[in-house]
Amino acid sequence: MSAFQPGLVHTPVTPFTGDHGIDFYRLGQVIDFHRRHGADALALPMHAGESVSLSEDEKRSVLAFAIANAPDIPVIAHVSNAGSAIAAALARDAERAGAAAVVATTPYYWTPPPAMLLEHFSAIGSAVTIPLLIYNSPDEMAGTKLTTDLALKLIERLPNFAGIVDLSLDWQFMIELMTEAPRVRKNFLLLAGTEHLVSAGAIGARGLFSPLAAIAPHLVRRLYDLCREEKFFDARPAQDEIAALRQFLKADGPAGLKAALRAMGRDCGEPRPPLLPLAASVQARLADALSGLPALRHEPRGW
C-alpha cells in the first residue's frame, strides 16, 4: 500500500437547520470554504462535527455529500462507534463511497483494556483496504489511551494501519511511538489532533487535524507550513496566536465553535440537542473577544 499523506486536515462542523436537521445547502458552503482556504484533506464528521449526535445513516449521507463536493482533495471518514461491528460496517461503506481513509477512536462508553482495543481496531482495519488512522483522545474517552505496545501489535496485524492522530499531548508517548513504530512500518504517521503542532512536529508529526481551521484557516496554514519545513522557532508566534484562540473556545465544544463561526459571518446554525447553544449574551461577549484578537484581522469573513 502506498504511503498516505493527509497533510493539513480540516474537520468541518455539521450545519443544522432550525428544526435540527442537517442543512446540506450550508454544508456545501462549509466544504467549499475549507477547499478554498488551505485544506489538504477533510475528515468528517468528527467530534467537532457532532458525530455522536448523528445517526449512522446521517453519517453516511454527510460523508457521501462531502466526497461528491470535494472531488479534488481526500476525504477521511470518521467511523467511531461503541460496537466494533457497527464501526467496521461504517468503514466498509466509507470505502465503497470513495473515502481515502478511515479514522476511529476507542469504543464509546466503555473503558476497554488493551486486549479489547486490539480486537476493536483489528475489526475496523480488517474490514477495509484503505488506510486506518486511530484517534487517540484520552481526555474525551474516559481516560482510555493508546500505548506504543498496542500500536506495534496493530502494525503486525493490519497492513493498512497508517498512523495515529494524537490529542493526548503526552510527549513521552509520542516520542516512544515515533522511535519504535517507524522501525517496523517505515511510513508510519503521527498527526497532531490539536493545533499544538510545534512540539508535535519536533517529535515527528507530519500532519494535523484542525477544527480551528474553520475560524482561522490562514493562521493554521501558516503554522502547518512552517512546521512542515521544520522552522519551529519561526512557528512559535503562530502557535501562540492559535493557543489564545483555543482558550476562548475550548470550554464550550461545538457550541463555542459554532458561535465563533457565526461571529466570523459563517452561520452554521445551533448545535443539535442535547448540546445547548450559548446564551445570546455569551455569544455577544465571545464575538467581542474574537474581534479584539489581532490574529483574526486577516482571516476571511463570511463565505
C-alpha atoms as a PDB file:
ATOM      1  CA  MET A   1       0.000   0.000   0.000  1.00  0.00           C
ATOM      2  CA  SER A   2       1.389   3.412  -0.935  1.00  0.00           C
ATOM      3  CA  ALA A   3       2.066   5.858   1.888  1.00  0.00           C
ATOM      4  CA  PHE A   4      -0.926   8.043   2.762  1.00  0.00           C
ATOM      5  CA  GLN A   5      -0.035  11.682   3.436  1.00  0.00           C
ATOM      6  CA  PRO A   6      -3.127  13.619   4.543  1.00  0.00           C
ATOM      7  CA  GLY A   7      -1.234  16.833   5.396  1.00  0.00           C
ATOM      8  CA  LEU A   8      -3.361  19.614   6.868  1.00  0.00           C
ATOM      9  CA  VAL A   9      -6.769  18.077   7.565  1.00  0.00           C
ATOM     10  CA  HIS A  10      -9.733  20.351   8.276  1.00  0.00           C
ATOM     11  CA  THR A  11     -12.516  18.884  10.429  1.00  0.00           C
ATOM     12  CA  PRO A  12     -15.728  20.711   9.437  1.00  0.00           C
ATOM     13  CA  VAL A  13     -18.738  21.347  11.633  1.00  0.00           C
ATOM     14  CA  THR A  14     -22.116  19.884  10.696  1.00  0.00           C
ATOM     15  CA  PRO A  15     -24.625  22.679   9.995  1.00  0.00           C
ATOM     16  CA  PHE A  16     -28.187  22.178  11.221  1.00  0.00           C
ATOM     17  CA  THR A  17     -31.463  23.802  10.278  1.00  0.00           C
ATOM     18  CA  GLY A  18     -33.824  25.358  12.823  1.00  0.00           C
ATOM     19  CA  ASP A  19     -35.539  22.003  13.347  1.00  0.00           C
ATOM     20  CA  HIS A  20     -32.153  20.257  13.886  1.00  0.00           C
ATOM     21  CA  GLY A  21     -31.992  18.528  10.516  1.00  0.00           C
ATOM     22  CA  ILE A  22     -28.751  18.524   8.545  1.00  0.00           C
ATOM     23  CA  ASP A  23     -28.530  21.663   6.418  1.00  0.00           C
ATOM     24  CA  PHE A  24     -26.952  20.293   3.245  1.00  0.00           C
ATOM     25  CA  TYR A  25     -27.048  23.646   1.470  1.00  0.00           C
ATOM     26  CA  ARG A  26     -24.959  25.151   4.251  1.00  0.00           C
ATOM     27  CA  LEU A  27     -22.763  22.040   4.397  1.00  0.00           C
ATOM     28  CA  GLY A  28     -21.932  22.653   0.752  1.00  0.00           C
ATOM     29  CA  GLN A  29     -20.788  26.155   1.669  1.00  0.00           C
ATOM     30  CA  VAL A  30     -18.742  24.779   4.567  1.00  0.00           C
ATOM     31  CA  ILE A  31     -16.962  22.252   2.356  1.00  0.00           C
ATOM     32  CA  ASP A  32     -16.321  24.832  -0.355  1.00  0.00           C
ATOM     33  CA  PHE A  33     -14.902  27.226   2.265  1.00  0.00           C
ATOM     34  CA  HIS A  34     -12.430  24.618   3.510  1.00  0.00           C
ATOM     35  CA  ARG A  35     -11.395  23.658  -0.023  1.00  0.00           C
ATOM     36  CA  ARG A  36     -10.691  27.303  -0.884  1.00  0.00           C
ATOM     37  CA  HIS A  37      -8.851  28.047   2.347  1.00  0.00           C
ATOM     38  CA  GLY A  38      -5.993  25.641   2.654  1.00  0.00           C
ATOM     39  CA  ALA A  39      -7.355  22.161   3.421  1.00  0.00           C
ATOM     40  CA  ASP A  40      -5.208  19.335   2.067  1.00  0.00           C
ATOM     41  CA  ALA A  41      -7.904  16.897   3.186  1.00  0.00           C
ATOM     42  CA  LEU A  42     -11.189  16.802   5.102  1.00  0.00           C
ATOM     43  CA  ALA A  43     -12.153  14.484   7.972  1.00  0.00           C
ATOM     44  CA  LEU A  44     -15.809  14.233   8.885  1.00  0.00           C
ATOM     45  CA  PRO A  45     -17.990  14.042  10.744  1.00  0.00           C
ATOM     46  CA  MET A  46     -15.534  14.336  13.640  1.00  0.00           C
ATOM     47  CA  HIS A  47     -16.481  15.235  17.221  1.00  0.00           C
ATOM     48  CA  ALA A  48     -16.295  18.921  16.241  1.00  0.00           C
ATOM     49  CA  GLY A  49     -18.947  17.980  13.666  1.00  0.00           C
ATOM     50  CA  GLU A  50     -21.182  16.483  16.392  1.00  0.00           C
ATOM     51  CA  SER A  51     -20.724  12.959  15.089  1.00  0.00           C
ATOM     52  CA  VAL A  52     -22.099  11.394  18.262  1.00  0.00           C
ATOM     53  CA  SER A  53     -25.422  13.202  17.642  1.00  0.00           C
ATOM     54  CA  LEU A  54     -25.796  11.819  14.111  1.00  0.00           C
ATOM     55  CA  SER A  55     -27.482   8.570  13.167  1.00  0.00           C
ATOM     56  CA  GLU A  56     -25.453   6.032  11.200  1.00  0.00           C
ATOM     57  CA  ASP A  57     -27.441   6.883   8.050  1.00  0.00           C
ATOM     58  CA  GLU A  58     -26.774  10.591   8.595  1.00  0.00           C
ATOM     59  CA  LYS A  59     -23.048   9.904   8.919  1.00  0.00           C
ATOM     60  CA  ARG A  60     -23.141   8.051   5.602  1.00  0.00           C
ATOM     61  CA  SER A  61     -25.058  10.907   3.996  1.00  0.00           C
ATOM     62  CA  VAL A  62     -22.658  13.571   5.257  1.00  0.00           C
ATOM     63  CA  LEU A  63     -19.682  11.557   4.035  1.00  0.00           C
ATOM     64  CA  ALA A  64     -21.168  10.896   0.595  1.00  0.00           C
ATOM     65  CA  PHE A  65     -22.047  14.585   0.253  1.00  0.00           C
ATOM     66  CA  ALA A  66     -18.505  15.636   1.164  1.00  0.00           C
ATOM     67  CA  ILE A  67     -16.923  13.190  -1.279  1.00  0.00           C
ATOM     68  CA  ALA A  68     -19.183  14.435  -4.073  1.00  0.00           C
ATOM     69  CA  ASN A  69     -18.491  18.091  -3.267  1.00  0.00           C
ATOM     70  CA  ALA A  70     -14.731  17.843  -2.649  1.00  0.00           C
ATOM     71  CA  PRO A  71     -13.531  15.740  -5.588  1.00  0.00           C
ATOM     72  CA  ASP A  72     -10.105  17.406  -5.616  1.00  0.00           C
ATOM     73  CA  ILE A  73      -8.986  16.505  -2.069  1.00  0.00           C
ATOM     74  CA  PRO A  74      -9.037  13.320   0.045  1.00  0.00           C
ATOM     75  CA  VAL A  75     -11.961  12.808   2.423  1.00  0.00           C
ATOM     76  CA  ILE A  76     -11.332  10.799   5.597  1.00  0.00           C
ATOM     77  CA  ALA A  77     -14.361   9.064   7.122  1.00  0.00           C
ATOM     78  CA  HIS A  78     -14.843   9.083  10.878  1.00  0.00           C
ATOM     79  CA  VAL A  79     -16.321   5.691  11.791  1.00  0.00           C
ATOM     80  CA  SER A  80     -16.076   5.533  15.606  1.00  0.00           C
ATOM     81  CA  ASN A  81     -18.758   3.611  17.456  1.00  0.00           C
ATOM     82  CA  ALA A  82     -19.326   1.685  20.671  1.00  0.00           C
ATOM     83  CA  GLY A  83     -19.769  -1.538  18.703  1.00  0.00           C
ATOM     84  CA  SER A  84     -16.906  -2.993  16.671  1.00  0.00           C
ATOM     85  CA  ALA A  85     -19.235  -4.478  14.036  1.00  0.00           C
ATOM     86  CA  ILE A  86     -21.047  -1.147  13.590  1.00  0.00           C
ATOM     87  CA  ALA A  87     -17.772   0.737  13.178  1.00  0.00           C
ATOM     88  CA  ALA A  88     -16.497  -1.889  10.732  1.00  0.00           C
ATOM     89  CA  ALA A  89     -19.714  -1.598   8.679  1.00  0.00           C
ATOM     90  CA  LEU A  90     -19.335   2.180   8.552  1.00  0.00           C
ATOM     91  CA  ALA A  91     -15.743   1.723   7.414  1.00  0.00           C
ATOM     92  CA  ARG A  92     -16.763  -0.661   4.610  1.00  0.00           C
ATOM     93  CA  ASP A  93     -19.458   1.727   3.445  1.00  0.00           C
ATOM     94  CA  ALA A  94     -16.988   4.619   3.539  1.00  0.00           C
ATOM     95  CA  GLU A  95     -14.546   2.730   1.325  1.00  0.00           C
ATOM     96  CA  ARG A  96     -17.329   1.928  -1.161  1.00  0.00           C
ATOM     97  CA  ALA A  97     -18.347   5.617  -1.172  1.00  0.00           C
ATOM     98  CA  GLY A  98     -14.821   6.685  -2.122  1.00  0.00           C
ATOM     99  CA  ALA A  99     -13.252   7.739   1.189  1.00  0.00           C
ATOM    100  CA  ALA A 100      -9.472   7.992   1.078  1.00  0.00           C
ATOM    101  CA  ALA A 101      -9.068   6.639   4.626  1.00  0.00           C
ATOM    102  CA  VAL A 102     -10.978   5.958   7.826  1.00  0.00           C
ATOM    103  CA  VAL A 103     -10.322   7.219  11.333  1.00  0.00           C
ATOM    104  CA  ALA A 104     -11.649   5.714  14.562  1.00  0.00           C
ATOM    105  CA  THR A 105     -11.240   6.292  18.272  1.00  0.00           C
ATOM    106  CA  THR A 106     -11.620   3.879  21.180  1.00  0.00           C
ATOM    107  CA  PRO A 107     -15.145   2.437  21.707  1.00  0.00           C
ATOM    108  CA  TYR A 108     -17.625   4.915  23.121  1.00  0.00           C
ATOM    109  CA  TYR A 109     -18.985   4.386  26.651  1.00  0.00           C
ATOM    110  CA  TRP A 110     -16.647   1.512  27.579  1.00  0.00           C
ATOM    111  CA  THR A 111     -13.255   1.744  29.264  1.00  0.00           C
ATOM    112  CA  PRO A 112     -11.698  -1.193  27.435  1.00  0.00           C
ATOM    113  CA  PRO A 113      -8.473  -2.974  28.403  1.00  0.00           C
ATOM    114  CA  PRO A 114      -5.708  -3.241  25.775  1.00  0.00           C
ATOM    115  CA  ALA A 115      -6.836  -6.668  24.558  1.00  0.00           C
ATOM    116  CA  MET A 116     -10.298  -5.297  23.777  1.00  0.00           C
ATOM    117  CA  LEU A 117      -8.822  -2.294  21.956  1.00  0.00           C
ATOM    118  CA  LEU A 118      -6.656  -4.600  19.876  1.00  0.00           C
ATOM    119  CA  GLU A 119      -9.687  -6.579  18.740  1.00  0.00           C
ATOM    120  CA  HIS A 120     -11.819  -3.474  18.182  1.00  0.00           C
ATOM    121  CA  PHE A 121      -9.321  -1.741  15.918  1.00  0.00           C
ATOM    122  CA  SER A 122      -8.432  -5.001  14.186  1.00  0.00           C
ATOM    123  CA  ALA A 123     -12.103  -5.476  13.278  1.00  0.00           C
ATOM    124  CA  ILE A 124     -12.291  -1.988  11.773  1.00  0.00           C
ATOM    125  CA  GLY A 125      -8.973  -2.161   9.941  1.00  0.00           C
ATOM    126  CA  SER A 126      -9.545  -5.623   8.501  1.00  0.00           C
ATOM    127  CA  ALA A 127     -12.916  -4.525   7.092  1.00  0.00           C
ATOM    128  CA  VAL A 128     -11.240  -2.220   4.551  1.00  0.00           C
ATOM    129  CA  THR A 129      -8.176  -1.892   2.352  1.00  0.00           C
ATOM    130  CA  ILE A 130      -7.870   1.906   2.637  1.00  0.00           C
ATOM    131  CA  PRO A 131      -5.660   3.371   5.393  1.00  0.00           C
ATOM    132  CA  LEU A 132      -6.827   3.263   9.009  1.00  0.00           C
ATOM    133  CA  LEU A 133      -5.924   6.114  11.350  1.00  0.00           C
ATOM    134  CA  ILE A 134      -6.531   5.800  15.080  1.00  0.00           C
ATOM    135  CA  TYR A 135      -7.666   8.845  17.045  1.00  0.00           C
ATOM    136  CA  ASN A 136      -6.058   8.936  20.498  1.00  0.00           C
ATOM    137  CA  SER A 137      -8.107  11.252  22.715  1.00  0.00           C
ATOM    138  CA  PRO A 138      -7.903  10.061  26.341  1.00  0.00           C
ATOM    139  CA  ASP A 139      -9.487  13.219  27.776  1.00  0.00           C
ATOM    140  CA  GLU A 140     -12.582  12.745  25.609  1.00  0.00           C
ATOM    141  CA  MET A 141     -12.698   8.970  26.031  1.00  0.00           C
ATOM    142  CA  ALA A 142     -12.778   8.445  29.810  1.00  0.00           C
ATOM    143  CA  GLY A 143      -9.028   8.137  30.122  1.00  0.00           C
ATOM    144  CA  THR A 144      -8.684   5.251  27.651  1.00  0.00           C
ATOM    145  CA  LYS A 145      -5.415   5.759  25.834  1.00  0.00           C
ATOM    146  CA  LEU A 146      -3.285   4.020  23.280  1.00  0.00           C
ATOM    147  CA  THR A 147       0.155   2.653  24.034  1.00  0.00           C
ATOM    148  CA  THR A 148       3.174   2.036  21.864  1.00  0.00           C
ATOM    149  CA  ASP A 149       2.844  -1.687  22.529  1.00  0.00           C
ATOM    150  CA  LEU A 150      -0.723  -1.671  21.201  1.00  0.00           C
ATOM    151  CA  ALA A 151       0.348   0.288  18.117  1.00  0.00           C
ATOM    152  CA  LEU A 152       3.086  -2.256  17.378  1.00  0.00           C
ATOM    153  CA  LYS A 153       0.617  -5.140  17.693  1.00  0.00           C
ATOM    154  CA  LEU A 154      -1.764  -3.393  15.301  1.00  0.00           C
ATOM    155  CA  ILE A 155       1.039  -2.839  12.797  1.00  0.00           C
ATOM    156  CA  GLU A 156       1.719  -6.567  12.963  1.00  0.00           C
ATOM    157  CA  ARG A 157      -1.946  -7.401  12.297  1.00  0.00           C
ATOM    158  CA  LEU A 158      -3.022  -4.695   9.865  1.00  0.00           C
ATOM    159  CA  PRO A 159      -1.143  -3.803   6.690  1.00  0.00           C
ATOM    160  CA  ASN A 160      -3.326  -0.690   6.326  1.00  0.00           C
ATOM    161  CA  PHE A 161      -2.786   0.735   9.834  1.00  0.00           C
ATOM    162  CA  ALA A 162      -1.272   4.029   8.729  1.00  0.00           C
ATOM    163  CA  GLY A 163      -0.836   6.057  11.915  1.00  0.00           C
ATOM    164  CA  ILE A 164      -2.178   7.814  14.983  1.00  0.00           C
ATOM    165  CA  VAL A 165      -3.933  11.167  15.326  1.00  0.00           C
ATOM    166  CA  ASP A 166      -2.910  12.236  18.817  1.00  0.00           C
ATOM    167  CA  LEU A 167      -4.771  14.605  21.145  1.00  0.00           C
ATOM    168  CA  SER A 168      -3.138  13.382  24.357  1.00  0.00           C
ATOM    169  CA  LEU A 169      -0.321  15.978  24.437  1.00  0.00           C
ATOM    170  CA  ASP A 170       1.643  13.137  26.051  1.00  0.00           C
ATOM    171  CA  TRP A 171       5.033  13.949  24.595  1.00  0.00           C
ATOM    172  CA  GLN A 172       6.714  10.933  26.203  1.00  0.00           C
ATOM    173  CA  PHE A 173       4.227   8.604  24.498  1.00  0.00           C
ATOM    174  CA  MET A 174       4.706  10.335  21.146  1.00  0.00           C
ATOM    175  CA  ILE A 175       8.492  10.148  21.379  1.00  0.00           C
ATOM    176  CA  GLU A 176       8.359   6.442  22.202  1.00  0.00           C
ATOM    177  CA  LEU A 177       5.821   5.809  19.444  1.00  0.00           C
ATOM    178  CA  MET A 178       7.881   7.587  16.791  1.00  0.00           C
ATOM    179  CA  THR A 179      11.028   5.816  17.927  1.00  0.00           C
ATOM    180  CA  GLU A 180       9.530   2.322  17.713  1.00  0.00           C
ATOM    181  CA  ALA A 181       6.730   2.337  15.114  1.00  0.00           C
ATOM    182  CA  PRO A 182       8.759   3.568  12.074  1.00  0.00           C
ATOM    183  CA  ARG A 183      11.221   0.750  12.653  1.00  0.00           C
ATOM    184  CA  VAL A 184       8.552  -1.768  11.680  1.00  0.00           C
ATOM    185  CA  ARG A 185       6.411   0.416   9.390  1.00  0.00           C
ATOM    186  CA  LYS A 186       8.618   2.883   7.565  1.00  0.00           C
ATOM    187  CA  ASN A 187       5.960   5.461   6.689  1.00  0.00           C
ATOM    188  CA  PHE A 188       4.029   5.280   9.953  1.00  0.00           C
ATOM    189  CA  LEU A 189       2.274   8.596  10.576  1.00  0.00           C
ATOM    190  CA  LEU A 190       1.911  10.740  13.649  1.00  0.00           C
ATOM    191  CA  LEU A 191      -0.634  13.526  13.191  1.00  0.00           C
ATOM    192  CA  ALA A 192      -1.414  16.192  15.753  1.00  0.00           C
ATOM    193  CA  GLY A 193      -5.043  16.112  16.789  1.00  0.00           C
ATOM    194  CA  THR A 194      -4.978  19.701  18.044  1.00  0.00           C
ATOM    195  CA  GLU A 195      -3.198  22.792  16.801  1.00  0.00           C
ATOM    196  CA  HIS A 196      -0.269  22.292  19.252  1.00  0.00           C
ATOM    197  CA  LEU A 197       1.915  21.483  16.274  1.00  0.00           C
ATOM    198  CA  VAL A 198       5.300  22.929  17.219  1.00  0.00           C
ATOM    199  CA  SER A 199       6.055  20.305  19.870  1.00  0.00           C
ATOM    200  CA  ALA A 200       4.343  17.502  17.949  1.00  0.00           C
ATOM    201  CA  GLY A 201       6.176  18.475  14.779  1.00  0.00           C
ATOM    202  CA  ALA A 202       9.534  18.392  16.548  1.00  0.00           C
ATOM    203  CA  ILE A 203       8.717  14.819  17.612  1.00  0.00           C
ATOM    204  CA  GLY A 204       7.818  13.797  14.070  1.00  0.00           C
ATOM    205  CA  ALA A 205       4.174  14.708  13.390  1.00  0.00           C
ATOM    206  CA  ARG A 206       3.648  15.146   9.651  1.00  0.00           C
ATOM    207  CA  GLY A 207       0.022  16.188   9.669  1.00  0.00           C
ATOM    208  CA  LEU A 208      -2.654  17.988  11.636  1.00  0.00           C
ATOM    209  CA  PHE A 209      -6.387  17.523  12.271  1.00  0.00           C
ATOM    210  CA  SER A 210      -7.618  21.080  12.825  1.00  0.00           C
ATOM    211  CA  PRO A 211     -11.109  22.152  13.960  1.00  0.00           C
ATOM    212  CA  LEU A 212      -9.888  25.760  14.363  1.00  0.00           C
ATOM    213  CA  ALA A 213      -9.165  25.979  10.648  1.00  0.00           C
ATOM    214  CA  ALA A 214     -12.880  26.751  10.357  1.00  0.00           C
ATOM    215  CA  ILE A 215     -12.204  30.029  12.199  1.00  0.00           C
ATOM    216  CA  ALA A 216      -8.636  30.965  11.231  1.00  0.00           C
ATOM    217  CA  PRO A 217      -7.601  28.974   8.150  1.00  0.00           C
ATOM    218  CA  HIS A 218      -4.760  31.313   7.186  1.00  0.00           C
ATOM    219  CA  LEU A 219      -3.203  31.172  10.640  1.00  0.00           C
ATOM    220  CA  VAL A 220      -3.474  27.385  10.802  1.00  0.00           C
ATOM    221  CA  ARG A 221      -1.993  27.083   7.319  1.00  0.00           C
ATOM    222  CA  ARG A 222       0.950  29.290   8.281  1.00  0.00           C
ATOM    223  CA  LEU A 223       1.607  27.213  11.386  1.00  0.00           C
ATOM    224  CA  TYR A 224       1.399  23.975   9.420  1.00  0.00           C
ATOM    225  CA  ASP A 225       3.681  25.137   6.604  1.00  0.00           C
ATOM    226  CA  LEU A 226       6.366  26.403   8.994  1.00  0.00           C
ATOM    227  CA  CYS A 227       6.317  23.170  10.984  1.00  0.00           C
ATOM    228  CA  ARG A 228       6.418  21.080   7.815  1.00  0.00           C
ATOM    229  CA  GLU A 229       9.597  22.956   6.906  1.00  0.00           C
ATOM    230  CA  GLU A 230      10.881  22.317  10.469  1.00  0.00           C
ATOM    231  CA  LYS A 231      11.039  26.062  11.166  1.00  0.00           C
ATOM    232  CA  PHE A 232       9.765  25.508  14.672  1.00  0.00           C
ATOM    233  CA  PHE A 233      11.193  28.695  16.179  1.00  0.00           C
ATOM    234  CA  ASP A 234       9.589  30.777  13.425  1.00  0.00           C
ATOM    235  CA  ALA A 235       6.310  28.942  14.027  1.00  0.00           C
ATOM    236  CA  ARG A 236       6.086  29.912  17.696  1.00  0.00           C
ATOM    237  CA  PRO A 237       4.222  33.231  17.152  1.00  0.00           C
ATOM    238  CA  ALA A 238       1.531  31.459  15.094  1.00  0.00           C
ATOM    239  CA  GLN A 239       1.352  28.737  17.724  1.00  0.00           C
ATOM    240  CA  ASP A 240       0.844  31.332  20.469  1.00  0.00           C
ATOM    241  CA  GLU A 241      -1.896  33.086  18.494  1.00  0.00           C
ATOM    242  CA  ILE A 242      -3.751  29.810  17.949  1.00  0.00           C
ATOM    243  CA  ALA A 243      -3.365  28.948  21.638  1.00  0.00           C
ATOM    244  CA  ALA A 244      -5.040  32.269  22.521  1.00  0.00           C
ATOM    245  CA  LEU A 245      -7.928  31.472  20.168  1.00  0.00           C
ATOM    246  CA  ARG A 246      -8.281  27.989  21.644  1.00  0.00           C
ATOM    247  CA  GLN A 247      -8.528  29.460  25.153  1.00  0.00           C
ATOM    248  CA  PHE A 248     -11.678  31.331  24.143  1.00  0.00           C
ATOM    249  CA  LEU A 249     -13.350  28.244  22.693  1.00  0.00           C
ATOM    250  CA  LYS A 250     -12.146  25.140  24.485  1.00  0.00           C
ATOM    251  CA  ALA A 251     -14.718  25.110  27.303  1.00  0.00           C
ATOM    252  CA  ASP A 252     -17.804  25.187  25.055  1.00  0.00           C
ATOM    253  CA  GLY A 253     -17.062  22.472  22.490  1.00  0.00           C
ATOM    254  CA  PRO A 254     -19.145  22.520  19.285  1.00  0.00           C
ATOM    255  CA  ALA A 255     -21.440  25.234  20.696  1.00  0.00           C
ATOM    256  CA  GLY A 256     -18.477  27.581  21.103  1.00  0.00           C
ATOM    257  CA  LEU A 257     -17.117  26.693  17.691  1.00  0.00           C
ATOM    258  CA  LYS A 258     -20.465  27.425  16.047  1.00  0.00           C
ATOM    259  CA  ALA A 259     -20.808  30.689  17.955  1.00  0.00           C
ATOM    260  CA  ALA A 260     -17.365  31.716  16.726  1.00  0.00           C
ATOM    261  CA  LEU A 261     -18.312  30.807  13.170  1.00  0.00           C
ATOM    262  CA  ARG A 262     -21.381  32.998  13.465  1.00  0.00           C
ATOM    263  CA  ALA A 263     -19.170  35.850  14.665  1.00  0.00           C
ATOM    264  CA  MET A 264     -16.973  35.338  11.587  1.00  0.00           C
ATOM    265  CA  GLY A 265     -20.021  35.611   9.307  1.00  0.00           C
ATOM    266  CA  ARG A 266     -20.384  31.885   8.619  1.00  0.00           C
ATOM    267  CA  ASP A 267     -23.539  30.887  10.469  1.00  0.00           C
ATOM    268  CA  CYS A 268     -23.900  27.085  10.695  1.00  0.00           C
ATOM    269  CA  GLY A 269     -26.915  27.007  12.987  1.00  0.00           C
ATOM    270  CA  GLU A 270     -27.051  25.806  16.550  1.00  0.00           C
ATOM    271  CA  PRO A 271     -25.725  22.519  17.906  1.00  0.00           C
ATOM    272  CA  ARG A 272     -28.079  19.564  17.973  1.00  0.00           C
ATOM    273  CA  PRO A 273     -29.584  18.545  21.341  1.00  0.00           C
ATOM    274  CA  PRO A 274     -28.618  17.511  23.898  1.00  0.00           C
ATOM    275  CA  LEU A 275     -25.951  20.181  23.299  1.00  0.00           C
ATOM    276  CA  LEU A 276     -27.265  23.663  24.031  1.00  0.00           C
ATOM    277  CA  PRO A 277     -26.350  26.837  22.173  1.00  0.00           C
ATOM    278  CA  LEU A 278     -24.505  29.539  24.040  1.00  0.00           C
ATOM    279  CA  ALA A 279     -26.744  32.186  25.560  1.00  0.00           C
ATOM    280  CA  ALA A 280     -27.091  35.320  23.438  1.00  0.00           C
ATOM    281  CA  SER A 281     -25.154  37.366  25.989  1.00  0.00           C
ATOM    282  CA  VAL A 282     -22.309  34.819  25.971  1.00  0.00           C
ATOM    283  CA  GLN A 283     -22.258  34.788  22.178  1.00  0.00           C
ATOM    284  CA  ALA A 284     -22.031  38.584  22.179  1.00  0.00           C
ATOM    285  CA  ARG A 285     -19.090  38.520  24.604  1.00  0.00           C
ATOM    286  CA  LEU A 286     -17.364  35.871  22.502  1.00  0.00           C
ATOM    287  CA  ALA A 287     -17.850  37.924  19.341  1.00  0.00           C
ATOM    288  CA  ASP A 288     -16.345  40.962  21.086  1.00  0.00           C
ATOM    289  CA  ALA A 289     -13.400  38.905  22.310  1.00  0.00           C
ATOM    290  CA  LEU A 290     -12.738  37.497  18.869  1.00  0.00           C
ATOM    291  CA  SER A 291     -12.934  40.940  17.276  1.00  0.00           C
ATOM    292  CA  GLY A 292     -10.107  42.002  19.573  1.00  0.00           C
ATOM    293  CA  LEU A 293      -7.760  39.188  18.589  1.00  0.00           C
ATOM    294  CA  PRO A 294      -5.038  40.518  16.255  1.00  0.00           C
ATOM    295  CA  ALA A 295      -4.626  37.031  14.807  1.00  0.00           C
ATOM    296  CA  LEU A 296      -8.095  37.202  13.214  1.00  0.00           C
ATOM    297  CA  ARG A 297      -7.716  40.567  11.481  1.00  0.00           C
ATOM    298  CA  HIS A 298      -6.661  38.988   8.207  1.00  0.00           C
ATOM    299  CA  GLU A 299      -8.894  35.929   8.362  1.00  0.00           C
ATOM    300  CA  PRO A 300     -11.835  35.551   5.971  1.00  0.00           C
ATOM    301  CA  ARG A 301     -15.209  36.923   6.997  1.00  0.00           C
ATOM    302  CA  GLY A 302     -18.330  35.408   5.528  1.00  0.00           C
ATOM    303  CA  TRP A 303     -18.285  32.635   2.977  1.00  0.00           C
END
